[in-house]
């Protein structure tokens, strides 16, 4: 039983704390490969685009190693920083800072962060409109900051890239060749997965539902989810014997609400507990007050 709880805690820790880091490392490896091979990000190479430096005199030049490095940082680590700031903003309203200085920083962060994101999104939208109507050479604020524009890959670029890949394949080792083949398969699998997704989207669309039910019959009702697994008494809170009672106060639930783990409580009890601890008291699963779902009984 103890080993089951240990594995449950390890899986939960990896899911809560290492998912963003693993995804960032994977994106960083992929973006670095395509920036070196084709002077463009993975998505830009997919649409036959490349990055070029726009000089003050209007001429275009290729990317320098420093510009590739800045592009790599903006592509791989800027989304990671943004995700962490969003999670920090969502959890900042929990608890009360003891120091007046930290309280002032908390209030400023809660007010300025949404305004900054809104201003960035508006700037991004304006640049996209200008880019669509050839009024701007920059597609996004990050490209504007780096002075980089997107251009179409020409036939000369394709021939040069193919020649470079052929020359490198003779000089590369076994690991480098396998990595290059892996990225090529990744690009082809993306095209295939997009095609499969569109076919599945059409197949399960509401417009196709009546025809699908005529062939395979009515849609089946999915099985109910598994019951939540209690944590080994991290808060000393257990599931009550009477399923209609609240695990926190032990009385009949009033204004029932469920945490992210699916356990039901009184709304006031679970809201106050998650505000203080940020976790489900029974399962120990991380939860925020915004994830509490109230249950309205008829």
Foldseek 3Di string as FASTA:
>chain_A
DVVVLVVVVVVLCCVVPVPLVVVLVVLLVQQLVCCVLQQDGPVQVLVQKHKWAQDPVRDTHGDDPVLSVLVSCCRRPVVSVVVVLVVCLQLLLFDDDPDPVVNVVSVCSNPVVVVVVVVQVVQLVVLCVCVVVVNDQDNHPSCVVSRMGMDGHDPVSVVVSVVVVVVVVVVDDPVVVVVVVVSVVVSVVVVVVVVVVVVVCVCPPPVNQVVVCVPVNHDDDDDDDDQFDFRPCPPPFECDPPLQAARQPRHGADQWKAWPRGRIHHLVVQLVVCSHVQADRTRRRGTGSVRIGTDDDD
